[in-house]
Amino acid sequence: MTCDIVKITAALNAYPWTRGAYSMRQGDNAVYCAVGLLLRFAGVPQADIACAGHSGGIWARYHEILESEYGITEPAMIHSIIQANDSATSHDEAIEQVQFVVDGGDLVELLRARQAAAEELAAAARERLGDDGGACGAVV
């Protein structure tokens, strides 16, 4: 069984996002990480998600829902989704990274490639400005 990327993406877009916790309250609203979004979209109450514990506990408790709703058949996928979510800096980036790992991509390689690209852009910008990165920019 392959993962249902369309349904996973719908779940990831359904509620407000966070990282570092399956779910928590922010004022009157709840926010969810990627795994929390999957569970909430499948009908699991927010309070249950907030108290779910570690990823092994999530799998033990909710594997039937994750398998039947999304085609997620391995506990390692939950761990990969958590890593993809928690390494993101925005909801959009979390969605992109979760889609990437669900589709079989290697998150470490993706993040290394992004870091290398960022370093190249920074070097090019310093070169265009004639900045070697060592001066303090004093006005003469």
Protein backbone atom coordinates (compact mmCIF):
# COMPACT_ATOMS: atom_id res chain seq x y z
CA MET A 1 0.00 0.00 0.00
CA THR A 2 1.38 3.41 -0.94
CA CYS A 3 0.77 6.55 1.04
CA ASP A 4 -2.13 8.72 -0.08
CA ILE A 5 -0.21 11.94 -0.72
CA VAL A 6 -3.35 13.84 -1.74
CA LYS A 7 -5.15 13.05 1.51
CA ILE A 8 -1.99 13.67 3.54
CA THR A 9 -1.64 17.09 1.89
CA ALA A 10 -5.28 17.90 2.60
CA ALA A 11 -4.74 17.03 6.26
CA LEU A 12 -1.59 19.14 6.43
CA ASN A 13 -3.54 22.15 5.17
CA ALA A 14 -6.61 21.66 7.36
CA TYR A 15 -5.60 23.36 10.62
CA PRO A 16 -3.04 25.81 12.03
CA TRP A 17 0.51 24.47 12.23
CA THR A 18 3.25 24.27 14.84
CA ARG A 19 6.40 22.30 15.46
CA GLY A 20 7.75 20.61 18.54
CA ALA A 21 4.41 19.29 19.86
CA TYR A 22 1.67 17.16 18.36
CA SER A 23 -0.87 19.75 19.43
CA MET A 24 -1.21 22.61 21.88
CA ARG A 25 -3.51 25.49 22.59
CA GLN A 26 -2.68 29.02 21.52
CA GLY A 27 -5.38 31.17 23.03
CA ASP A 28 -8.74 29.89 21.85
CA ASN A 29 -7.24 27.86 19.00
CA ALA A 30 -5.34 24.62 18.73
CA VAL A 31 -2.25 24.22 16.56
CA TYR A 32 -0.84 20.93 15.29
CA CYS A 33 2.39 19.45 13.98
CA ALA A 34 2.21 17.31 10.85
CA VAL A 35 1.38 14.11 12.75
CA GLY A 36 -1.18 16.00 14.82
CA LEU A 37 -2.70 17.38 11.63
CA LEU A 38 -3.04 13.86 10.21
CA LEU A 39 -4.72 12.63 13.37
CA ARG A 40 -7.03 15.64 13.74
CA PHE A 41 -8.11 15.45 10.09
CA ALA A 42 -8.94 11.78 10.68
CA GLY A 43 -11.22 12.75 13.58
CA VAL A 44 -9.03 12.30 16.66
CA PRO A 45 -9.95 14.94 19.29
CA GLN A 46 -7.39 17.67 19.96
CA ALA A 47 -7.11 16.80 23.66
CA ASP A 48 -6.16 13.21 22.80
CA ILE A 49 -3.53 14.38 20.33
CA ALA A 50 -2.02 16.83 22.84
CA CYS A 51 -1.50 13.98 25.33
CA ALA A 52 -0.30 11.36 22.85
CA GLY A 53 3.31 11.02 24.05
CA HIS A 54 6.28 9.89 21.95
CA SER A 55 6.20 8.68 18.34
CA GLY A 56 6.15 5.02 19.41
CA GLY A 57 3.06 5.76 21.49
CA ILE A 58 1.44 7.49 18.54
CA TRP A 59 2.03 4.43 16.39
CA ALA A 60 0.80 1.99 19.04
CA ARG A 61 -2.36 3.97 19.64
CA TYR A 62 -3.23 5.26 16.16
CA HIS A 63 -1.60 2.94 13.60
CA GLU A 64 -4.95 1.63 12.37
CA ILE A 65 -6.16 5.17 11.62
CA LEU A 66 -2.86 6.14 9.99
CA GLU A 67 -2.91 3.00 7.84
CA SER A 68 -6.56 3.17 6.79
CA GLU A 69 -6.74 6.93 6.24
CA TYR A 70 -3.33 7.66 4.75
CA GLY A 71 -1.65 4.38 3.83
CA ILE A 72 1.12 4.91 6.40
CA THR A 73 2.14 1.35 7.27
CA GLU A 74 5.48 1.79 9.06
CA PRO A 75 6.28 3.48 12.37
CA ALA A 76 9.50 4.79 10.80
CA MET A 77 7.37 6.96 8.51
CA ILE A 78 5.87 8.70 11.54
CA HIS A 79 9.39 9.44 12.78
CA SER A 80 10.34 10.80 9.32
CA ILE A 81 7.22 12.99 9.26
CA ILE A 82 8.09 14.37 12.70
CA GLN A 83 11.64 15.18 11.56
CA ALA A 84 10.35 16.82 8.39
CA ASN A 85 7.89 18.90 10.40
CA ASP A 86 10.24 19.93 13.18
CA SER A 87 13.06 20.97 10.84
CA ALA A 88 10.73 23.31 8.95
CA THR A 89 10.55 27.04 9.61
CA SER A 90 7.04 27.54 8.22
CA HIS A 91 3.83 25.66 7.59
CA ASP A 92 4.47 25.68 3.84
CA GLU A 93 7.97 24.31 4.31
CA ALA A 94 6.64 21.60 6.65
CA ILE A 95 4.11 20.53 4.02
CA GLU A 96 6.80 20.43 1.33
CA GLN A 97 9.17 18.43 3.51
CA VAL A 98 6.51 15.96 4.66
CA GLN A 99 5.45 15.39 1.06
CA PHE A 100 9.11 14.82 0.19
CA VAL A 101 9.69 12.15 2.87
CA VAL A 102 6.33 10.46 2.26
CA ASP A 103 7.34 10.20 -1.39
CA GLY A 104 10.54 8.41 -0.35
CA GLY A 105 12.94 11.35 -0.25
CA ASP A 106 15.89 11.61 2.13
CA LEU A 107 15.36 14.61 4.40
CA VAL A 108 19.03 14.86 5.38
CA GLU A 109 20.05 15.15 1.73
CA LEU A 110 17.37 17.78 1.12
CA LEU A 111 18.49 19.88 4.08
CA ARG A 112 22.17 19.58 3.09
CA ALA A 113 21.33 20.71 -0.45
CA ARG A 114 19.40 23.70 0.91
CA GLN A 115 22.29 24.62 3.20
CA ALA A 116 24.79 24.41 0.33
CA ALA A 117 22.55 26.56 -1.86
CA ALA A 118 22.20 29.16 0.90
CA GLU A 119 25.96 29.25 1.38
CA GLU A 120 26.49 29.72 -2.37
CA LEU A 121 23.99 32.60 -2.43
CA ALA A 122 25.68 34.25 0.54
CA ALA A 123 29.11 33.91 -1.06
CA ALA A 124 27.82 35.36 -4.33
CA ALA A 125 26.24 38.30 -2.50
CA ARG A 126 29.48 39.00 -0.61
CA GLU A 127 31.41 38.86 -3.89
CA ARG A 128 29.03 41.31 -5.60
CA LEU A 129 29.44 43.72 -2.70
CA GLY A 130 33.20 43.31 -2.61
CA ASP A 131 32.94 42.14 0.99
CA ASP A 132 35.33 39.55 2.25
CA GLY A 133 33.26 39.19 5.41
CA GLY A 134 36.05 40.49 7.63
CA ALA A 135 35.63 44.27 7.65
CA CYS A 136 33.38 46.23 9.94
CA GLY A 137 32.35 48.73 7.27
CA ALA A 138 33.78 51.93 8.69
CA VAL A 139 32.95 55.15 6.86
CA VAL A 140 36.01 57.10 5.63
